[in-house]
Amino acid sequence: VSRVAARSALSREYVEFFEQYVPLLIR
């Protein structure tokens, strides 16, 4: 459970890549 909880939080970075970093690349 401890590792799943950490990985669930880290998985947010996948969405942030599309939400923040791909637009940053386009810009």
PDB file of all heavy atoms in Angstrom:
ATOM      1  N   VAL A   1       0.819  -1.197   0.000  1.00  0.00           N
ATOM      2  CA  VAL A   1       0.000   0.000   0.000  1.00  0.00           C
ATOM      3  C   VAL A   1       0.859   1.254   0.000  1.00  0.00           C
ATOM      4  O   VAL A   1       0.552   2.242  -0.680  1.00  0.00           O
ATOM      5  CB  VAL A   1      -0.955  -0.006   1.217  1.00  0.00           C
ATOM      6  CG1 VAL A   1      -1.712   1.320   1.319  1.00  0.00           C
ATOM      7  CG2 VAL A   1      -1.935  -1.157   1.118  1.00  0.00           C
ATOM      8  N   SER A   2       1.963   1.242   0.757  1.00  0.00           N
ATOM      9  CA  SER A   2       2.811   2.428   0.831  1.00  0.00           C
ATOM     10  C   SER A   2       3.382   2.781  -0.538  1.00  0.00           C
ATOM     11  O   SER A   2       3.429   3.959  -0.919  1.00  0.00           O
ATOM     12  CB  SER A   2       3.954   2.198   1.831  1.00  0.00           C
ATOM     13  OG  SER A   2       4.769   1.112   1.424  1.00  0.00           O
ATOM     14  N   ARG A   3       3.784   1.771  -1.294  1.00  0.00           N
ATOM     15  CA  ARG A   3       4.344   2.030  -2.620  1.00  0.00           C
ATOM     16  C   ARG A   3       3.251   2.455  -3.608  1.00  0.00           C
ATOM     17  O   ARG A   3       3.474   3.321  -4.450  1.00  0.00           O
ATOM     18  CB  ARG A   3       5.076   0.794  -3.144  1.00  0.00           C
ATOM     19  CG  ARG A   3       6.324   0.457  -2.342  1.00  0.00           C
ATOM     20  CD  ARG A   3       7.089  -0.710  -2.934  1.00  0.00           C
ATOM     21  NE  ARG A   3       8.246  -1.021  -2.113  1.00  0.00           N
ATOM     22  CZ  ARG A   3       9.413  -0.418  -2.209  1.00  0.00           C
ATOM     23  NH1 ARG A   3       9.579   0.544  -3.095  1.00  0.00           N
ATOM     24  NH2 ARG A   3      10.418  -0.757  -1.423  1.00  0.00           N
ATOM     25  N   VAL A   4       2.071   1.860  -3.493  1.00  0.00           N
ATOM     26  CA  VAL A   4       0.974   2.253  -4.381  1.00  0.00           C
ATOM     27  C   VAL A   4       0.581   3.706  -4.127  1.00  0.00           C
ATOM     28  O   VAL A   4       0.322   4.469  -5.062  1.00  0.00           O
ATOM     29  CB  VAL A   4      -0.242   1.327  -4.183  1.00  0.00           C
ATOM     30  CG1 VAL A   4      -1.434   1.826  -5.000  1.00  0.00           C
ATOM     31  CG2 VAL A   4       0.100  -0.091  -4.598  1.00  0.00           C
ATOM     32  N   ALA A   5       0.543   4.092  -2.841  1.00  0.00           N
ATOM     33  CA  ALA A   5       0.193   5.478  -2.504  1.00  0.00           C
ATOM     34  C   ALA A   5       1.205   6.449  -3.109  1.00  0.00           C
ATOM     35  O   ALA A   5       0.839   7.478  -3.684  1.00  0.00           O
ATOM     36  CB  ALA A   5       0.130   5.655  -0.989  1.00  0.00           C
ATOM     37  N   ALA A   6       2.493   6.108  -2.989  1.00  0.00           N
ATOM     38  CA  ALA A   6       3.533   6.978  -3.549  1.00  0.00           C
ATOM     39  C   ALA A   6       3.441   7.029  -5.066  1.00  0.00           C
ATOM     40  O   ALA A   6       3.555   8.097  -5.675  1.00  0.00           O
ATOM     41  CB  ALA A   6       4.914   6.487  -3.110  1.00  0.00           C
ATOM     42  N   ARG A   7       3.212   5.885  -5.697  1.00  0.00           N
ATOM     43  CA  ARG A   7       3.147   5.848  -7.157  1.00  0.00           C
ATOM     44  C   ARG A   7       1.902   6.529  -7.684  1.00  0.00           C
ATOM     45  O   ARG A   7       1.909   7.113  -8.773  1.00  0.00           O
ATOM     46  CB  ARG A   7       3.218   4.393  -7.632  1.00  0.00           C
ATOM     47  CG  ARG A   7       4.586   3.786  -7.376  1.00  0.00           C
ATOM     48  CD  ARG A   7       4.636   2.292  -7.652  1.00  0.00           C
ATOM     49  NE  ARG A   7       5.944   1.752  -7.274  1.00  0.00           N
ATOM     50  CZ  ARG A   7       6.281   0.478  -7.399  1.00  0.00           C
ATOM     51  NH1 ARG A   7       5.407  -0.394  -7.884  1.00  0.00           N
ATOM     52  NH2 ARG A   7       7.481   0.073  -7.030  1.00  0.00           N
ATOM     53  N   SER A   8       0.824   6.470  -6.926  1.00  0.00           N
ATOM     54  CA  SER A   8      -0.383   7.186  -7.325  1.00  0.00           C
ATOM     55  C   SER A   8      -0.128   8.693  -7.357  1.00  0.00           C
ATOM     56  O   SER A   8      -0.563   9.393  -8.279  1.00  0.00           O
ATOM     57  CB  SER A   8      -1.523   6.873  -6.356  1.00  0.00           C
ATOM     58  OG  SER A   8      -2.665   7.644  -6.657  1.00  0.00           O
ATOM     59  N   ALA A   9       0.594   9.182  -6.338  1.00  0.00           N
ATOM     60  CA  ALA A   9       0.935  10.608  -6.325  1.00  0.00           C
ATOM     61  C   ALA A   9       1.889  10.947  -7.469  1.00  0.00           C
ATOM     62  O   ALA A   9       1.748  11.964  -8.139  1.00  0.00           O
ATOM     63  CB  ALA A   9       1.555  10.983  -4.982  1.00  0.00           C
ATOM     64  N   LEU A  10       2.873  10.063  -7.705  1.00  0.00           N
ATOM     65  CA  LEU A  10       3.828  10.311  -8.782  1.00  0.00           C
ATOM     66  C   LEU A  10       3.169  10.251 -10.154  1.00  0.00           C
ATOM     67  O   LEU A  10       3.608  10.931 -11.088  1.00  0.00           O
ATOM     68  CB  LEU A  10       4.969   9.291  -8.718  1.00  0.00           C
ATOM     69  CG  LEU A  10       5.938   9.423  -7.539  1.00  0.00           C
ATOM     70  CD1 LEU A  10       6.910   8.249  -7.538  1.00  0.00           C
ATOM     71  CD2 LEU A  10       6.697  10.744  -7.588  1.00  0.00           C
ATOM     72  N   SER A  11       2.108   9.453 -10.295  1.00  0.00           N
ATOM     73  CA  SER A  11       1.456   9.337 -11.596  1.00  0.00           C
ATOM     74  C   SER A  11       0.835  10.654 -12.041  1.00  0.00           C
ATOM     75  O   SER A  11       0.557  10.854 -13.222  1.00  0.00           O
ATOM     76  CB  SER A  11       0.371   8.253 -11.546  1.00  0.00           C
ATOM     77  OG  SER A  11      -0.732   8.666 -10.758  1.00  0.00           O
ATOM     78  N   ARG A  12       0.611  11.555 -11.089  1.00  0.00           N
ATOM     79  CA  ARG A  12       0.106  12.886 -11.437  1.00  0.00           C
ATOM     80  C   ARG A  12       1.049  13.576 -12.422  1.00  0.00           C
ATOM     81  O   ARG A  12       0.624  14.406 -13.231  1.00  0.00           O
ATOM     82  CB  ARG A  12      -0.049  13.718 -10.156  1.00  0.00           C
ATOM     83  CG  ARG A  12      -0.406  15.178 -10.379  1.00  0.00           C
ATOM     84  CD  ARG A  12      -1.767  15.362 -11.012  1.00  0.00           C
ATOM     85  NE  ARG A  12      -1.985  16.741 -11.424  1.00  0.00           N
ATOM     86  CZ  ARG A  12      -3.021  17.150 -12.138  1.00  0.00           C
ATOM     87  NH1 ARG A  12      -3.942  16.283 -12.516  1.00  0.00           N
ATOM     88  NH2 ARG A  12      -3.146  18.405 -12.485  1.00  0.00           N
ATOM     89  N   GLU A  13       2.325  13.213 -12.357  1.00  0.00           N
ATOM     90  CA  GLU A  13       3.291  13.856 -13.243  1.00  0.00           C
ATOM     91  C   GLU A  13       3.077  13.483 -14.701  1.00  0.00           C
ATOM     92  O   GLU A  13       3.468  14.224 -15.596  1.00  0.00           O
ATOM     93  CB  GLU A  13       4.711  13.509 -12.790  1.00  0.00           C
ATOM     94  CG  GLU A  13       4.992  13.953 -11.371  1.00  0.00           C
ATOM     95  CD  GLU A  13       6.463  14.216 -11.116  1.00  0.00           C
ATOM     96  OE1 GLU A  13       7.222  14.405 -12.076  1.00  0.00           O
ATOM     97  OE2 GLU A  13       6.834  14.225  -9.933  1.00  0.00           O
ATOM     98  N   TYR A  14       2.466  12.328 -14.973  1.00  0.00           N
ATOM     99  CA  TYR A  14       2.126  11.994 -16.350  1.00  0.00           C
ATOM    100  C   TYR A  14       1.102  12.986 -16.896  1.00  0.00           C
ATOM    101  O   TYR A  14       1.215  13.465 -18.024  1.00  0.00           O
ATOM    102  CB  TYR A  14       1.556  10.574 -16.425  1.00  0.00           C
ATOM    103  CG  TYR A  14       2.595   9.493 -16.436  1.00  0.00           C
ATOM    104  CD1 TYR A  14       2.993   8.872 -15.261  1.00  0.00           C
ATOM    105  CD2 TYR A  14       3.179   9.084 -17.633  1.00  0.00           C
ATOM    106  CE1 TYR A  14       3.946   7.871 -15.271  1.00  0.00           C
ATOM    107  CE2 TYR A  14       4.136   8.090 -17.649  1.00  0.00           C
ATOM    108  CZ  TYR A  14       4.513   7.482 -16.469  1.00  0.00           C
ATOM    109  OH  TYR A  14       5.471   6.498 -16.478  1.00  0.00           O
ATOM    110  N   VAL A  15       0.073  13.276 -16.090  1.00  0.00           N
ATOM    111  CA  VAL A  15      -0.945  14.229 -16.527  1.00  0.00           C
ATOM    112  C   VAL A  15      -0.347  15.633 -16.613  1.00  0.00           C
ATOM    113  O   VAL A  15      -0.641  16.389 -17.541  1.00  0.00           O
ATOM    114  CB  VAL A  15      -2.149  14.197 -15.570  1.00  0.00           C
ATOM    115  CG1 VAL A  15      -3.210  15.209 -15.995  1.00  0.00           C
ATOM    116  CG2 VAL A  15      -2.750  12.802 -15.528  1.00  0.00           C
ATOM    117  N   GLU A  16       0.512  15.974 -15.659  1.00  0.00           N
ATOM    118  CA  GLU A  16       1.150  17.286 -15.700  1.00  0.00           C
ATOM    119  C   GLU A  16       2.023  17.446 -16.944  1.00  0.00           C
ATOM    120  O   GLU A  16       2.182  18.552 -17.455  1.00  0.00           O
ATOM    121  CB  GLU A  16       1.994  17.498 -14.442  1.00  0.00           C
ATOM    122  CG  GLU A  16       1.166  17.769 -13.198  1.00  0.00           C
ATOM    123  CD  GLU A  16       2.024  18.018 -11.973  1.00  0.00           C
ATOM    124  OE1 GLU A  16       3.258  17.828 -12.067  1.00  0.00           O
ATOM    125  OE2 GLU A  16       1.461  18.395 -10.926  1.00  0.00           O
ATOM    126  N   PHE A  17       2.578  16.327 -17.434  1.00  0.00           N
ATOM    127  CA  PHE A  17       3.367  16.407 -18.658  1.00  0.00           C
ATOM    128  C   PHE A  17       2.500  16.907 -19.812  1.00  0.00           C
ATOM    129  O   PHE A  17       2.907  17.787 -20.581  1.00  0.00           O
ATOM    130  CB  PHE A  17       3.966  15.049 -18.993  1.00  0.00           C
ATOM    131  CG  PHE A  17       4.793  15.045 -20.255  1.00  0.00           C
ATOM    132  CD1 PHE A  17       6.098  15.509 -20.235  1.00  0.00           C
ATOM    133  CD2 PHE A  17       4.256  14.599 -21.450  1.00  0.00           C
ATOM    134  CE1 PHE A  17       6.860  15.516 -21.397  1.00  0.00           C
ATOM    135  CE2 PHE A  17       5.009  14.602 -22.610  1.00  0.00           C
ATOM    136  CZ  PHE A  17       6.314  15.061 -22.586  1.00  0.00           C
ATOM    137  N   PHE A  18       1.289  16.349 -19.952  1.00  0.00           N
ATOM    138  CA  PHE A  18       0.389  16.790 -21.020  1.00  0.00           C
ATOM    139  C   PHE A  18      -0.203  18.166 -20.730  1.00  0.00           C
ATOM    140  O   PHE A  18      -0.422  18.952 -21.645  1.00  0.00           O
ATOM    141  CB  PHE A  18      -0.746  15.782 -21.203  1.00  0.00           C
ATOM    142  CG  PHE A  18      -0.312  14.507 -21.876  1.00  0.00           C
ATOM    143  CD1 PHE A  18      -0.247  13.319 -21.162  1.00  0.00           C
ATOM    144  CD2 PHE A  18       0.035  14.492 -23.214  1.00  0.00           C
ATOM    145  CE1 PHE A  18       0.150  12.140 -21.772  1.00  0.00           C
ATOM    146  CE2 PHE A  18       0.437  13.321 -23.834  1.00  0.00           C
ATOM    147  CZ  PHE A  18       0.497  12.142 -23.116  1.00  0.00           C
ATOM    148  N   GLU A  19      -0.481  18.434 -19.449  1.00  0.00           N
ATOM    149  CA  GLU A  19      -1.151  19.679 -19.091  1.00  0.00           C
ATOM    150  C   GLU A  19      -0.203  20.871 -19.082  1.00  0.00           C
ATOM    151  O   GLU A  19      -0.587  21.980 -19.475  1.00  0.00           O
ATOM    152  CB  GLU A  19      -1.802  19.532 -17.712  1.00  0.00           C
ATOM    153  CG  GLU A  19      -2.596  20.744 -17.268  1.00  0.00           C
ATOM    154  CD  GLU A  19      -3.250  20.539 -15.923  1.00  0.00           C
ATOM    155  OE1 GLU A  19      -3.003  19.484 -15.282  1.00  0.00           O
ATOM    156  OE2 GLU A  19      -4.017  21.415 -15.498  1.00  0.00           O
ATOM    157  N   GLN A  20       1.036  20.657 -18.637  1.00  0.00           N
ATOM    158  CA  GLN A  20       1.963  21.775 -18.459  1.00  0.00           C
ATOM    159  C   GLN A  20       3.166  21.717 -19.389  1.00  0.00           C
ATOM    160  O   GLN A  20       3.542  22.735 -19.980  1.00  0.00           O
ATOM    161  CB  GLN A  20       2.446  21.813 -17.006  1.00  0.00           C
ATOM    162  CG  GLN A  20       1.338  22.018 -15.994  1.00  0.00           C
ATOM    163  CD  GLN A  20       1.857  22.022 -14.571  1.00  0.00           C
ATOM    164  OE1 GLN A  20       3.046  22.188 -14.324  1.00  0.00           O
ATOM    165  NE2 GLN A  20       0.964  21.839 -13.608  1.00  0.00           N
ATOM    166  N   TYR A  21       3.754  20.535 -19.548  1.00  0.00           N
ATOM    167  CA  TYR A  21       5.042  20.475 -20.227  1.00  0.00           C
ATOM    168  C   TYR A  21       4.934  20.374 -21.745  1.00  0.00           C
ATOM    169  O   TYR A  21       5.781  20.915 -22.454  1.00  0.00           O
ATOM    170  CB  TYR A  21       5.885  19.335 -19.646  1.00  0.00           C
ATOM    171  CG  TYR A  21       6.328  19.646 -18.243  1.00  0.00           C
ATOM    172  CD1 TYR A  21       5.582  19.215 -17.148  1.00  0.00           C
ATOM    173  CD2 TYR A  21       7.458  20.425 -18.013  1.00  0.00           C
ATOM    174  CE1 TYR A  21       5.975  19.527 -15.855  1.00  0.00           C
ATOM    175  CE2 TYR A  21       7.855  20.736 -16.726  1.00  0.00           C
ATOM    176  CZ  TYR A  21       7.110  20.292 -15.647  1.00  0.00           C
ATOM    177  OH  TYR A  21       7.492  20.622 -14.373  1.00  0.00           O
ATOM    178  N   VAL A  22       3.897  19.700 -22.263  1.00  0.00           N
ATOM    179  CA  VAL A  22       3.705  19.731 -23.720  1.00  0.00           C
ATOM    180  C   VAL A  22       3.340  21.143 -24.180  1.00  0.00           C
ATOM    181  O   VAL A  22       3.915  21.642 -25.157  1.00  0.00           O
ATOM    182  CB  VAL A  22       2.654  18.691 -24.162  1.00  0.00           C
ATOM    183  CG1 VAL A  22       2.319  18.867 -25.639  1.00  0.00           C
ATOM    184  CG2 VAL A  22       3.174  17.276 -23.918  1.00  0.00           C
ATOM    185  N   PRO A  23       2.400  21.847 -23.501  1.00  0.00           N
ATOM    186  CA  PRO A  23       2.195  23.252 -23.864  1.00  0.00           C
ATOM    187  C   PRO A  23       3.462  24.091 -23.730  1.00  0.00           C
ATOM    188  O   PRO A  23       3.700  25.004 -24.532  1.00  0.00           O
ATOM    189  CB  PRO A  23       1.119  23.716 -22.872  1.00  0.00           C
ATOM    190  CG  PRO A  23       0.355  22.481 -22.567  1.00  0.00           C
ATOM    191  CD  PRO A  23       1.384  21.383 -22.534  1.00  0.00           C
ATOM    192  N   LEU A  24       4.277  23.779 -22.729  1.00  0.00           N
ATOM    193  CA  LEU A  24       5.535  24.498 -22.587  1.00  0.00           C
ATOM    194  C   LEU A  24       6.454  24.247 -23.783  1.00  0.00           C
ATOM    195  O   LEU A  24       7.126  25.154 -24.278  1.00  0.00           O
ATOM    196  CB  LEU A  24       6.225  24.058 -21.292  1.00  0.00           C
ATOM    197  CG  LEU A  24       7.278  24.994 -20.690  1.00  0.00           C
ATOM    198  CD1 LEU A  24       6.663  26.327 -20.316  1.00  0.00           C
ATOM    199  CD2 LEU A  24       7.898  24.343 -19.461  1.00  0.00           C
ATOM    200  N   LEU A  25       6.458  22.990 -24.263  1.00  0.00           N
ATOM    201  CA  LEU A  25       7.242  22.660 -25.452  1.00  0.00           C
ATOM    202  C   LEU A  25       6.704  23.381 -26.683  1.00  0.00           C
ATOM    203  O   LEU A  25       7.476  23.914 -27.493  1.00  0.00           O
ATOM    204  CB  LEU A  25       7.213  21.150 -25.669  1.00  0.00           C
ATOM    205  CG  LEU A  25       7.888  20.633 -26.952  1.00  0.00           C
ATOM    206  CD1 LEU A  25       9.377  20.997 -26.961  1.00  0.00           C
ATOM    207  CD2 LEU A  25       7.699  19.126 -27.087  1.00  0.00           C
ATOM    208  N   ILE A  26       5.380  23.395 -26.839  1.00  0.00           N
ATOM    209  CA  ILE A  26       4.774  24.108 -27.968  1.00  0.00           C
ATOM    210  C   ILE A  26       5.130  25.588 -27.916  1.00  0.00           C
ATOM    211  O   ILE A  26       5.505  26.203 -28.924  1.00  0.00           O
ATOM    212  CB  ILE A  26       3.248  23.917 -27.967  1.00  0.00           C
ATOM    213  CG1 ILE A  26       2.896  22.446 -28.210  1.00  0.00           C
ATOM    214  CG2 ILE A  26       2.584  24.806 -29.013  1.00  0.00           C
ATOM    215  CD1 ILE A  26       1.419  22.130 -28.037  1.00  0.00           C
ATOM    216  N   ARG A  27       5.028  26.169 -26.735  1.00  0.00           N
ATOM    217  CA  ARG A  27       5.370  27.591 -26.576  1.00  0.00           C
ATOM    218  C   ARG A  27       6.841  27.835 -26.904  1.00  0.00           C
ATOM    219  O   ARG A  27       7.189  28.833 -27.545  1.00  0.00           O
ATOM    220  CB  ARG A  27       5.071  28.020 -25.132  1.00  0.00           C
ATOM    221  CG  ARG A  27       5.278  29.502 -24.865  1.00  0.00           C
ATOM    222  CD  ARG A  27       4.994  29.806 -23.409  1.00  0.00           C
ATOM    223  NE  ARG A  27       5.230  31.202 -23.086  1.00  0.00           N
ATOM    224  CZ  ARG A  27       4.309  32.152 -23.131  1.00  0.00           C
ATOM    225  NH1 ARG A  27       3.066  31.845 -23.486  1.00  0.00           N
ATOM    226  NH2 ARG A  27       4.598  33.411 -22.822  1.00  0.00           N
TER     227      ARG A  27
END
